Amino acid sequence: MKKVEAIIKPFKLDEVKDALQEIDIQGITVTEVKGYGRQKGHTEL
């Protein structure tokens, strides 16, 4: 058995969930997280 952890953009969640359901994946845990990598955040006003 393997654990797959995917960090994705929030607006892609529904699309990814639907695609996984199409290939008969039933158990998914979803967590809202924050982080940074090469994207390094941004400035806001």
All heavy atoms as atom14 arrays in JSON, in Angstrom:
{
  "sequence": "MKKVEAIIKPFKLDEVKDALQEIDIQGITVTEVKGYGRQKGHTEL",
  "atom14_mask": [
    [1, 1, 1, 1, 1, 1, 1, 1, 0, 0, 0, 0, 0, 0],
    [1, 1, 1, 1, 1, 1, 1, 1, 1, 0, 0, 0, 0, 0],
    [1, 1, 1, 1, 1, 1, 1, 1, 1, 0, 0, 0, 0, 0],
    [1, 1, 1, 1, 1, 1, 1, 0, 0, 0, 0, 0, 0, 0],
    [1, 1, 1, 1, 1, 1, 1, 1, 1, 0, 0, 0, 0, 0],
    [1, 1, 1, 1, 1, 0, 0, 0, 0, 0, 0, 0, 0, 0],
    [1, 1, 1, 1, 1, 1, 1, 1, 0, 0, 0, 0, 0, 0],
    [1, 1, 1, 1, 1, 1, 1, 1, 0, 0, 0, 0, 0, 0],
    [1, 1, 1, 1, 1, 1, 1, 1, 1, 0, 0, 0, 0, 0],
    [1, 1, 1, 1, 1, 1, 1, 0, 0, 0, 0, 0, 0, 0],
    [1, 1, 1, 1, 1, 1, 1, 1, 1, 1, 1, 0, 0, 0],
    [1, 1, 1, 1, 1, 1, 1, 1, 1, 0, 0, 0, 0, 0],
    [1, 1, 1, 1, 1, 1, 1, 1, 0, 0, 0, 0, 0, 0],
    [1, 1, 1, 1, 1, 1, 1, 1, 0, 0, 0, 0, 0, 0],
    [1, 1, 1, 1, 1, 1, 1, 1, 1, 0, 0, 0, 0, 0],
    [1, 1, 1, 1, 1, 1, 1, 0, 0, 0, 0, 0, 0, 0],
    [1, 1, 1, 1, 1, 1, 1, 1, 1, 0, 0, 0, 0, 0],
    [1, 1, 1, 1, 1, 1, 1, 1, 0, 0, 0, 0, 0, 0],
    [1, 1, 1, 1, 1, 0, 0, 0, 0, 0, 0, 0, 0, 0],
    [1, 1, 1, 1, 1, 1, 1, 1, 0, 0, 0, 0, 0, 0],
    [1, 1, 1, 1, 1, 1, 1, 1, 1, 0, 0, 0, 0, 0],
    [1, 1, 1, 1, 1, 1, 1, 1, 1, 0, 0, 0, 0, 0],
    [1, 1, 1, 1, 1, 1, 1, 1, 0, 0, 0, 0, 0, 0],
    [1, 1, 1, 1, 1, 1, 1, 1, 0, 0, 0, 0, 0, 0],
    [1, 1, 1, 1, 1, 1, 1, 1, 0, 0, 0, 0, 0, 0],
    [1, 1, 1, 1, 1, 1, 1, 1, 1, 0, 0, 0, 0, 0],
    [1, 1, 1, 1, 0, 0, 0, 0, 0, 0, 0, 0, 0, 0],
    [1, 1, 1, 1, 1, 1, 1, 1, 0, 0, 0, 0, 0, 0],
    [1, 1, 1, 1, 1, 1, 1, 0, 0, 0, 0, 0, 0, 0],
    [1, 1, 1, 1, 1, 1, 1, 0, 0, 0, 0, 0, 0, 0],
    [1, 1, 1, 1, 1, 1, 1, 0, 0, 0, 0, 0, 0, 0],
    [1, 1, 1, 1, 1, 1, 1, 1, 1, 0, 0, 0, 0, 0],
    [1, 1, 1, 1, 1, 1, 1, 0, 0, 0, 0, 0, 0, 0],
    [1, 1, 1, 1, 1, 1, 1, 1, 1, 0, 0, 0, 0, 0],
    [1, 1, 1, 1, 0, 0, 0, 0, 0, 0, 0, 0, 0, 0],
    [1, 1, 1, 1, 1, 1, 1, 1, 1, 1, 1, 1, 0, 0],
    [1, 1, 1, 1, 0, 0, 0, 0, 0, 0, 0, 0, 0, 0],
    [1, 1, 1, 1, 1, 1, 1, 1, 1, 1, 1, 0, 0, 0],
    [1, 1, 1, 1, 1, 1, 1, 1, 1, 0, 0, 0, 0, 0],
    [1, 1, 1, 1, 1, 1, 1, 1, 1, 0, 0, 0, 0, 0],
    [1, 1, 1, 1, 0, 0, 0, 0, 0, 0, 0, 0, 0, 0],
    [1, 1, 1, 1, 1, 1, 1, 1, 1, 1, 0, 0, 0, 0],
    [1, 1, 1, 1, 1, 1, 1, 0, 0, 0, 0, 0, 0, 0],
    [1, 1, 1, 1, 1, 1, 1, 1, 1, 0, 0, 0, 0, 0],
    [1, 1, 1, 1, 1, 1, 1, 1, 0, 0, 0, 0, 0, 0]
  ],
  "atom14_positions": [
    [[0.84, -1.17, 0.0], [0.0, 0.0, 0.0], [0.88, 1.24, 0.0], [1.99, 1.21, 0.53], [-0.9, 0.04, 1.24], [-1.95, -1.03, 1.3], [-2.94, -0.95, 2.8], [-1.72, -1.27, 4.05], [0.0, 0.0, 0.0], [0.0, 0.0, 0.0], [0.0, 0.0, 0.0], [0.0, 0.0, 0.0], [0.0, 0.0, 0.0], [0.0, 0.0, 0.0]],
    [[0.36, 2.31, -0.59], [1.07, 3.58, -0.64], [0.13, 4.71, -0.23], [-1.08, 4.64, -0.44], [1.56, 3.87, -2.06], [2.51, 2.84, -2.63], [3.91, 3.1, -2.18], [4.88, 2.28, -2.99], [5.45, 1.17, -2.3], [0.0, 0.0, 0.0], [0.0, 0.0, 0.0], [0.0, 0.0, 0.0], [0.0, 0.0, 0.0], [0.0, 0.0, 0.0]],
    [[0.72, 5.75, 0.35], [-0.02, 6.97, 0.65], [0.4, 8.02, -0.37], [1.59, 8.28, -0.55], [0.29, 7.46, 2.06], [-0.46, 8.73, 2.43], [-0.16, 9.11, 3.86], [-0.98, 10.31, 4.27], [-0.69, 10.69, 5.66], [0.0, 0.0, 0.0], [0.0, 0.0, 0.0], [0.0, 0.0, 0.0], [0.0, 0.0, 0.0], [0.0, 0.0, 0.0]],
    [[-0.57, 8.59, -1.04], [-0.33, 9.65, -2.02], [-0.82, 10.95, -1.4], [-1.99, 11.05, -1.02], [-1.06, 9.36, -3.35], [-0.9, 10.52, -4.32], [-0.58, 8.06, -3.97], [0.0, 0.0, 0.0], [0.0, 0.0, 0.0], [0.0, 0.0, 0.0], [0.0, 0.0, 0.0], [0.0, 0.0, 0.0], [0.0, 0.0, 0.0], [0.0, 0.0, 0.0]],
    [[0.09, 11.91, -1.28], [-0.27, 13.24, -0.79], [-0.06, 14.22, -1.93], [1.04, 14.29, -2.49], [0.62, 13.65, 0.39], [0.38, 12.84, 1.64], [1.28, 13.29, 2.77], [0.98, 14.35, 3.36], [2.27, 12.6, 3.04], [0.0, 0.0, 0.0], [0.0, 0.0, 0.0], [0.0, 0.0, 0.0], [0.0, 0.0, 0.0], [0.0, 0.0, 0.0]],
    [[-1.1, 14.95, -2.27], [-1.01, 15.92, -3.36], [-1.34, 17.3, -2.81], [-2.37, 17.47, -2.16], [-1.97, 15.55, -4.48], [0.0, 0.0, 0.0], [0.0, 0.0, 0.0], [0.0, 0.0, 0.0], [0.0, 0.0, 0.0], [0.0, 0.0, 0.0], [0.0, 0.0, 0.0], [0.0, 0.0, 0.0], [0.0, 0.0, 0.0], [0.0, 0.0, 0.0]],
    [[-0.48, 18.26, -3.09], [-0.72, 19.66, -2.73], [-1.11, 20.36, -4.04], [-0.31, 20.38, -4.98], [0.55, 20.33, -2.14], [1.18, 19.47, -1.05], [0.24, 21.73, -1.67], [0.37, 19.28, 0.19], [0.0, 0.0, 0.0], [0.0, 0.0, 0.0], [0.0, 0.0, 0.0], [0.0, 0.0, 0.0], [0.0, 0.0, 0.0], [0.0, 0.0, 0.0]],
    [[-2.32, 20.91, -4.08], [-2.82, 21.52, -5.32], [-3.41, 22.9, -5.05], [-3.63, 23.27, -3.9], [-3.89, 20.62, -6.0], [-5.12, 20.46, -5.1], [-3.3, 19.27, -6.37], [-6.3, 19.78, -5.77], [0.0, 0.0, 0.0], [0.0, 0.0, 0.0], [0.0, 0.0, 0.0], [0.0, 0.0, 0.0], [0.0, 0.0, 0.0], [0.0, 0.0, 0.0]],
    [[-3.69, 23.63, -6.12], [-4.34, 24.93, -6.0], [-5.8, 24.71, -5.61], [-6.45, 23.78, -6.11], [-4.26, 25.68, -7.32], [-2.85, 26.11, -7.67], [-2.81, 26.92, -8.95], [-1.4, 27.45, -9.19], [-1.33, 28.31, -10.36], [0.0, 0.0, 0.0], [0.0, 0.0, 0.0], [0.0, 0.0, 0.0], [0.0, 0.0, 0.0], [0.0, 0.0, 0.0]],
    [[-6.33, 25.56, -4.73], [-7.7, 25.36, -4.23], [-8.78, 25.29, -5.31], [-9.7, 24.49, -5.22], [-7.93, 26.56, -3.31], [-6.56, 26.96, -2.87], [-5.66, 26.66, -4.03], [0.0, 0.0, 0.0], [0.0, 0.0, 0.0], [0.0, 0.0, 0.0], [0.0, 0.0, 0.0], [0.0, 0.0, 0.0], [0.0, 0.0, 0.0], [0.0, 0.0, 0.0]],
    [[-8.65, 26.09, -6.36], [-9.7, 26.12, -7.37], [-9.73, 24.85, -8.23], [-10.68, 24.62, -8.99], [-9.61, 27.37, -8.25], [-8.42, 27.42, -9.17], [-8.46, 26.86, -10.43], [-7.25, 28.04, -8.74], [-7.36, 26.92, -11.28], [-6.14, 28.09, -9.58], [-6.2, 27.53, -10.85], [0.0, 0.0, 0.0], [0.0, 0.0, 0.0], [0.0, 0.0, 0.0]],
    [[-8.72, 24.0, -8.09], [-8.67, 22.74, -8.84], [-9.29, 21.57, -8.09], [-9.41, 20.48, -8.62], [-7.21, 22.4, -9.18], [-6.64, 23.25, -10.29], [-7.3, 22.89, -11.59], [-6.58, 23.43, -12.78], [-7.16, 22.91, -14.02], [0.0, 0.0, 0.0], [0.0, 0.0, 0.0], [0.0, 0.0, 0.0], [0.0, 0.0, 0.0], [0.0, 0.0, 0.0]],
    [[-9.71, 21.78, -6.83], [-10.19, 20.68, -6.0], [-11.36, 19.93, -6.62], [-11.32, 18.7, -6.73], [-10.58, 21.18, -4.61], [-11.21, 20.13, -3.69], [-10.27, 18.96, -3.46], [-11.64, 20.76, -2.37], [0.0, 0.0, 0.0], [0.0, 0.0, 0.0], [0.0, 0.0, 0.0], [0.0, 0.0, 0.0], [0.0, 0.0, 0.0], [0.0, 0.0, 0.0]],
    [[-12.41, 20.62, -7.03], [-13.58, 19.94, -7.58], [-13.25, 19.15, -8.83], [-13.71, 18.03, -9.02], [-14.71, 20.94, -7.86], [-15.36, 21.45, -6.58], [-15.31, 20.74, -5.56], [-15.91, 22.57, -6.62], [0.0, 0.0, 0.0], [0.0, 0.0, 0.0], [0.0, 0.0, 0.0], [0.0, 0.0, 0.0], [0.0, 0.0, 0.0], [0.0, 0.0, 0.0]],
    [[-12.43, 19.73, -9.67], [-12.03, 19.07, -10.91], [-11.24, 17.79, -10.62], [-11.48, 16.74, -11.23], [-11.18, 20.05, -11.72], [-11.11, 19.77, -13.19], [-10.34, 20.87, -13.93], [-10.42, 22.05, -13.54], [-9.67, 20.52, -14.91], [0.0, 0.0, 0.0], [0.0, 0.0, 0.0], [0.0, 0.0, 0.0], [0.0, 0.0, 0.0], [0.0, 0.0, 0.0]],
    [[-10.3, 17.86, -9.69], [-9.5, 16.69, -9.32], [-10.38, 15.63, -8.66], [-10.29, 14.44, -8.98], [-8.31, 17.09, -8.4], [-7.62, 15.87, -7.83], [-7.33, 17.97, -9.16], [0.0, 0.0, 0.0], [0.0, 0.0, 0.0], [0.0, 0.0, 0.0], [0.0, 0.0, 0.0], [0.0, 0.0, 0.0], [0.0, 0.0, 0.0], [0.0, 0.0, 0.0]],
    [[-11.25, 16.05, -7.76], [-12.16, 15.11, -7.07], [-13.03, 14.38, -8.08], [-13.17, 13.16, -8.03], [-13.03, 15.86, -6.07], [-14.03, 14.97, -5.34], [-14.96, 15.76, -4.45], [-15.85, 16.69, -5.21], [-17.16, 16.22, -5.58], [0.0, 0.0, 0.0], [0.0, 0.0, 0.0], [0.0, 0.0, 0.0], [0.0, 0.0, 0.0], [0.0, 0.0, 0.0]],
    [[-13.59, 15.1, -9.05], [-14.44, 14.48, -10.07], [-13.64, 13.49, -10.93], [-14.12, 12.4, -11.24], [-15.08, 15.54, -10.96], [-16.11, 16.38, -10.21], [-16.55, 15.97, -9.12], [-16.46, 17.48, -10.72], [0.0, 0.0, 0.0], [0.0, 0.0, 0.0], [0.0, 0.0, 0.0], [0.0, 0.0, 0.0], [0.0, 0.0, 0.0], [0.0, 0.0, 0.0]],
    [[-12.42, 13.86, -11.28], [-11.57, 12.98, -12.09], [-11.22, 11.71, -11.32], [-11.2, 10.61, -11.89], [-10.31, 13.71, -12.52], [0.0, 0.0, 0.0], [0.0, 0.0, 0.0], [0.0, 0.0, 0.0], [0.0, 0.0, 0.0], [0.0, 0.0, 0.0], [0.0, 0.0, 0.0], [0.0, 0.0, 0.0], [0.0, 0.0, 0.0], [0.0, 0.0, 0.0]],
    [[-10.96, 11.83, -10.02], [-10.66, 10.65, -9.2], [-11.89, 9.76, -9.04], [-11.78, 8.54, -9.06], [-10.1, 11.06, -7.84], [-8.69, 11.67, -7.87], [-8.34, 12.26, -6.51], [-7.66, 10.65, -8.32], [0.0, 0.0, 0.0], [0.0, 0.0, 0.0], [0.0, 0.0, 0.0], [0.0, 0.0, 0.0], [0.0, 0.0, 0.0], [0.0, 0.0, 0.0]],
    [[-13.06, 10.36, -8.92], [-14.29, 9.57, -8.84], [-14.54, 8.8, -10.14], [-15.03, 7.68, -10.11], [-15.49, 10.46, -8.51], [-15.51, 10.88, -7.05], [-16.66, 11.82, -6.72], [-17.2, 12.5, -7.59], [-17.03, 11.87, -5.45], [0.0, 0.0, 0.0], [0.0, 0.0, 0.0], [0.0, 0.0, 0.0], [0.0, 0.0, 0.0], [0.0, 0.0, 0.0]],
    [[-14.17, 9.4, -11.27], [-14.33, 8.74, -12.57], [-13.49, 7.47, -12.68], [-13.87, 6.54, -13.38], [-13.98, 9.69, -13.71], [-15.06, 10.71, -14.0], [-14.67, 11.65, -15.12], [-13.84, 11.27, -15.98], [-15.18, 12.79, -15.12], [0.0, 0.0, 0.0], [0.0, 0.0, 0.0], [0.0, 0.0, 0.0], [0.0, 0.0, 0.0], [0.0, 0.0, 0.0]],
    [[-12.35, 7.43, -11.99], [-11.52, 6.22, -12.02], [-11.76, 5.35, -10.79], [-10.95, 4.51, -10.44], [-10.01, 6.53, -12.22], [-9.46, 7.38, -11.06], [-9.77, 7.2, -13.55], [-7.95, 7.48, -11.04], [0.0, 0.0, 0.0], [0.0, 0.0, 0.0], [0.0, 0.0, 0.0], [0.0, 0.0, 0.0], [0.0, 0.0, 0.0], [0.0, 0.0, 0.0]],
    [[-12.9, 5.59, -10.13], [-13.39, 4.76, -9.03], [-12.53, 4.83, -7.76], [-12.32, 3.84, -7.09], [-13.58, 3.31, -9.47], [-14.52, 2.55, -8.54], [-15.43, 3.19, -7.98], [-14.32, 1.34, -8.36], [0.0, 0.0, 0.0], [0.0, 0.0, 0.0], [0.0, 0.0, 0.0], [0.0, 0.0, 0.0], [0.0, 0.0, 0.0], [0.0, 0.0, 0.0]],
    [[-12.02, 6.03, -7.46], [-11.32, 6.25, -6.19], [-12.36, 6.78, -5.21], [-13.04, 7.76, -5.49], [-10.16, 7.27, -6.36], [-9.11, 6.72, -7.29], [-9.57, 7.64, -5.0], [-8.44, 5.44, -6.83], [0.0, 0.0, 0.0], [0.0, 0.0, 0.0], [0.0, 0.0, 0.0], [0.0, 0.0, 0.0], [0.0, 0.0, 0.0], [0.0, 0.0, 0.0]],
    [[-12.48, 6.12, -4.05], [-13.56, 6.46, -3.14], [-13.11, 7.19, -1.89], [-13.86, 8.0, -1.37], [-14.3, 5.18, -2.75], [-14.93, 4.53, -3.94], [-15.61, 3.22, -3.59], [-15.74, 2.87, -2.43], [-16.03, 2.48, -4.6], [0.0, 0.0, 0.0], [0.0, 0.0, 0.0], [0.0, 0.0, 0.0], [0.0, 0.0, 0.0], [0.0, 0.0, 0.0]],
    [[-11.94, 6.93, -1.37], [-11.54, 7.53, -0.1], [-10.49, 8.6, -0.28], [-9.38, 8.33, -0.72], [0.0, 0.0, 0.0], [0.0, 0.0, 0.0], [0.0, 0.0, 0.0], [0.0, 0.0, 0.0], [0.0, 0.0, 0.0], [0.0, 0.0, 0.0], [0.0, 0.0, 0.0], [0.0, 0.0, 0.0], [0.0, 0.0, 0.0], [0.0, 0.0, 0.0]],
    [[-10.86, 9.84, 0.04], [-9.93, 10.97, -0.06], [-10.08, 11.82, 1.2], [-11.19, 12.09, 1.63], [-10.24, 11.86, -1.28], [-10.26, 11.07, -2.57], [-9.24, 13.01, -1.38], [-10.79, 11.86, -3.76], [0.0, 0.0, 0.0], [0.0, 0.0, 0.0], [0.0, 0.0, 0.0], [0.0, 0.0, 0.0], [0.0, 0.0, 0.0], [0.0, 0.0, 0.0]],
    [[-8.97, 12.23, 1.77], [-8.99, 13.19, 2.86], [-8.51, 14.52, 2.31], [-7.48, 14.58, 1.63], [-8.07, 12.75, 4.02], [-8.53, 11.48, 4.49], [-8.09, 13.74, 5.16], [0.0, 0.0, 0.0], [0.0, 0.0, 0.0], [0.0, 0.0, 0.0], [0.0, 0.0, 0.0], [0.0, 0.0, 0.0], [0.0, 0.0, 0.0], [0.0, 0.0, 0.0]],
    [[-9.25, 15.59, 2.58], [-8.91, 16.92, 2.06], [-8.67, 17.85, 3.23], [-9.47, 17.91, 4.16], [-10.07, 17.46, 1.18], [-9.75, 18.86, 0.69], [-10.36, 16.53, 0.02], [0.0, 0.0, 0.0], [0.0, 0.0, 0.0], [0.0, 0.0, 0.0], [0.0, 0.0, 0.0], [0.0, 0.0, 0.0], [0.0, 0.0, 0.0], [0.0, 0.0, 0.0]],
    [[-7.56, 18.59, 3.16], [-7.2, 19.54, 4.21], [-6.83, 20.87, 3.56], [-6.13, 20.89, 2.55], [-5.98, 19.04, 5.01], [-6.2, 17.69, 5.41], [-5.74, 19.89, 6.24], [0.0, 0.0, 0.0], [0.0, 0.0, 0.0], [0.0, 0.0, 0.0], [0.0, 0.0, 0.0], [0.0, 0.0, 0.0], [0.0, 0.0, 0.0], [0.0, 0.0, 0.0]],
    [[-7.32, 21.97, 4.14], [-6.88, 23.29, 3.7], [-5.55, 23.58, 4.39], [-5.46, 23.52, 5.62], [-7.91, 24.35, 4.06], [-9.2, 24.22, 3.29], [-10.21, 25.28, 3.65], [-9.85, 26.29, 4.3], [-11.38, 25.1, 3.28], [0.0, 0.0, 0.0], [0.0, 0.0, 0.0], [0.0, 0.0, 0.0], [0.0, 0.0, 0.0], [0.0, 0.0, 0.0]],
    [[-4.53, 23.87, 3.6], [-3.19, 24.12, 4.14], [-2.66, 25.43, 3.57], [-3.22, 25.99, 2.64], [-2.22, 22.95, 3.83], [-2.67, 21.68, 4.53], [-2.08, 22.73, 2.34], [0.0, 0.0, 0.0], [0.0, 0.0, 0.0], [0.0, 0.0, 0.0], [0.0, 0.0, 0.0], [0.0, 0.0, 0.0], [0.0, 0.0, 0.0], [0.0, 0.0, 0.0]],
    [[-1.55, 25.9, 4.14], [-0.85, 27.07, 3.62], [0.62, 26.72, 3.52], [1.14, 25.97, 4.34], [-1.03, 28.27, 4.54], [-2.43, 28.79, 4.59], [-2.52, 30.0, 5.49], [-3.95, 30.49, 5.53], [-4.07, 31.73, 6.29], [0.0, 0.0, 0.0], [0.0, 0.0, 0.0], [0.0, 0.0, 0.0], [0.0, 0.0, 0.0], [0.0, 0.0, 0.0]],
    [[1.28, 27.29, 2.55], [2.71, 27.04, 2.42], [3.29, 27.89, 1.31], [2.6, 28.69, 0.67], [0.0, 0.0, 0.0], [0.0, 0.0, 0.0], [0.0, 0.0, 0.0], [0.0, 0.0, 0.0], [0.0, 0.0, 0.0], [0.0, 0.0, 0.0], [0.0, 0.0, 0.0], [0.0, 0.0, 0.0], [0.0, 0.0, 0.0], [0.0, 0.0, 0.0]],
    [[4.58, 27.71, 1.1], [5.2, 28.37, -0.03], [6.39, 27.57, -0.5], [6.99, 26.79, 0.24], [5.62, 29.81, 0.29], [6.83, 29.93, 1.19], [8.1, 30.02, 0.65], [6.69, 29.93, 2.56], [9.21, 30.14, 1.46], [7.78, 30.04, 3.39], [9.04, 30.15, 2.84], [10.13, 30.25, 3.64], [0.0, 0.0, 0.0], [0.0, 0.0, 0.0]],
    [[6.69, 27.72, -1.75], [7.85, 27.09, -2.37], [8.46, 28.13, -3.28], [8.77, 29.24, -2.86], [0.0, 0.0, 0.0], [0.0, 0.0, 0.0], [0.0, 0.0, 0.0], [0.0, 0.0, 0.0], [0.0, 0.0, 0.0], [0.0, 0.0, 0.0], [0.0, 0.0, 0.0], [0.0, 0.0, 0.0], [0.0, 0.0, 0.0], [0.0, 0.0, 0.0]],
    [[8.54, 27.8, -4.55], [9.07, 28.75, -5.51], [8.13, 29.93, -5.72], [8.56, 31.0, -6.12], [9.32, 28.06, -6.86], [10.45, 27.07, -6.78], [10.77, 26.51, -8.12], [11.89, 25.59, -8.0], [12.1, 24.61, -8.83], [11.29, 24.4, -9.84], [13.14, 23.82, -8.66], [0.0, 0.0, 0.0], [0.0, 0.0, 0.0], [0.0, 0.0, 0.0]],
    [[6.86, 29.73, -5.43], [5.86, 30.8, -5.6], [6.12, 31.95, -4.63], [5.84, 33.1, -4.93], [4.47, 30.21, -5.39], [3.36, 31.01, -5.98], [2.03, 30.28, -5.9], [1.94, 29.18, -5.39], [1.0, 30.92, -6.4], [0.0, 0.0, 0.0], [0.0, 0.0, 0.0], [0.0, 0.0, 0.0], [0.0, 0.0, 0.0], [0.0, 0.0, 0.0]],
    [[6.61, 31.67, -3.45], [7.07, 32.63, -2.44], [6.04, 33.63, -1.96], [6.38, 34.65, -1.41], [8.29, 33.38, -2.95], [9.49, 32.49, -3.16], [10.75, 33.26, -2.98], [11.95, 32.39, -2.97], [12.39, 31.83, -4.2], [0.0, 0.0, 0.0], [0.0, 0.0, 0.0], [0.0, 0.0, 0.0], [0.0, 0.0, 0.0], [0.0, 0.0, 0.0]],
    [[4.77, 33.39, -2.13], [3.76, 34.33, -1.65], [3.57, 35.5, -2.6], [4.04, 35.49, -3.72], [0.0, 0.0, 0.0], [0.0, 0.0, 0.0], [0.0, 0.0, 0.0], [0.0, 0.0, 0.0], [0.0, 0.0, 0.0], [0.0, 0.0, 0.0], [0.0, 0.0, 0.0], [0.0, 0.0, 0.0], [0.0, 0.0, 0.0], [0.0, 0.0, 0.0]],
    [[2.87, 36.53, -2.12], [2.61, 37.7, -2.94], [2.27, 38.88, -2.04], [2.11, 38.73, -0.84], [1.46, 37.4, -3.92], [0.18, 37.01, -3.24], [-0.05, 35.73, -2.77], [-0.91, 37.73, -2.92], [-1.25, 35.69, -2.2], [-1.79, 36.88, -2.28], [0.0, 0.0, 0.0], [0.0, 0.0, 0.0], [0.0, 0.0, 0.0], [0.0, 0.0, 0.0]],
    [[2.16, 40.07, -2.65], [1.77, 41.25, -1.89], [0.31, 41.58, -2.2], [-0.17, 41.34, -3.3], [2.66, 42.47, -2.23], [2.57, 42.72, -3.62], [4.1, 42.21, -1.85], [0.0, 0.0, 0.0], [0.0, 0.0, 0.0], [0.0, 0.0, 0.0], [0.0, 0.0, 0.0], [0.0, 0.0, 0.0], [0.0, 0.0, 0.0], [0.0, 0.0, 0.0]],
    [[-0.38, 42.13, -1.21], [-1.76, 42.54, -1.38], [-1.93, 43.93, -0.81], [-1.13, 44.39, 0.01], [-2.71, 41.57, -0.67], [-2.83, 40.24, -1.36], [-3.91, 39.36, -0.77], [-4.66, 39.81, 0.12], [-3.99, 38.2, -1.21], [0.0, 0.0, 0.0], [0.0, 0.0, 0.0], [0.0, 0.0, 0.0], [0.0, 0.0, 0.0], [0.0, 0.0, 0.0]],
    [[-2.97, 44.6, -1.24], [-3.29, 45.93, -0.76], [-4.55, 45.85, 0.09], [-5.55, 45.28, -0.32], [-3.54, 46.84, -1.98], [-3.29, 48.33, -1.81], [-1.86, 48.59, -1.37], [-3.58, 49.04, -3.11], [0.0, 0.0, 0.0], [0.0, 0.0, 0.0], [0.0, 0.0, 0.0], [0.0, 0.0, 0.0], [0.0, 0.0, 0.0], [0.0, 0.0, 0.0]]
  ]
}
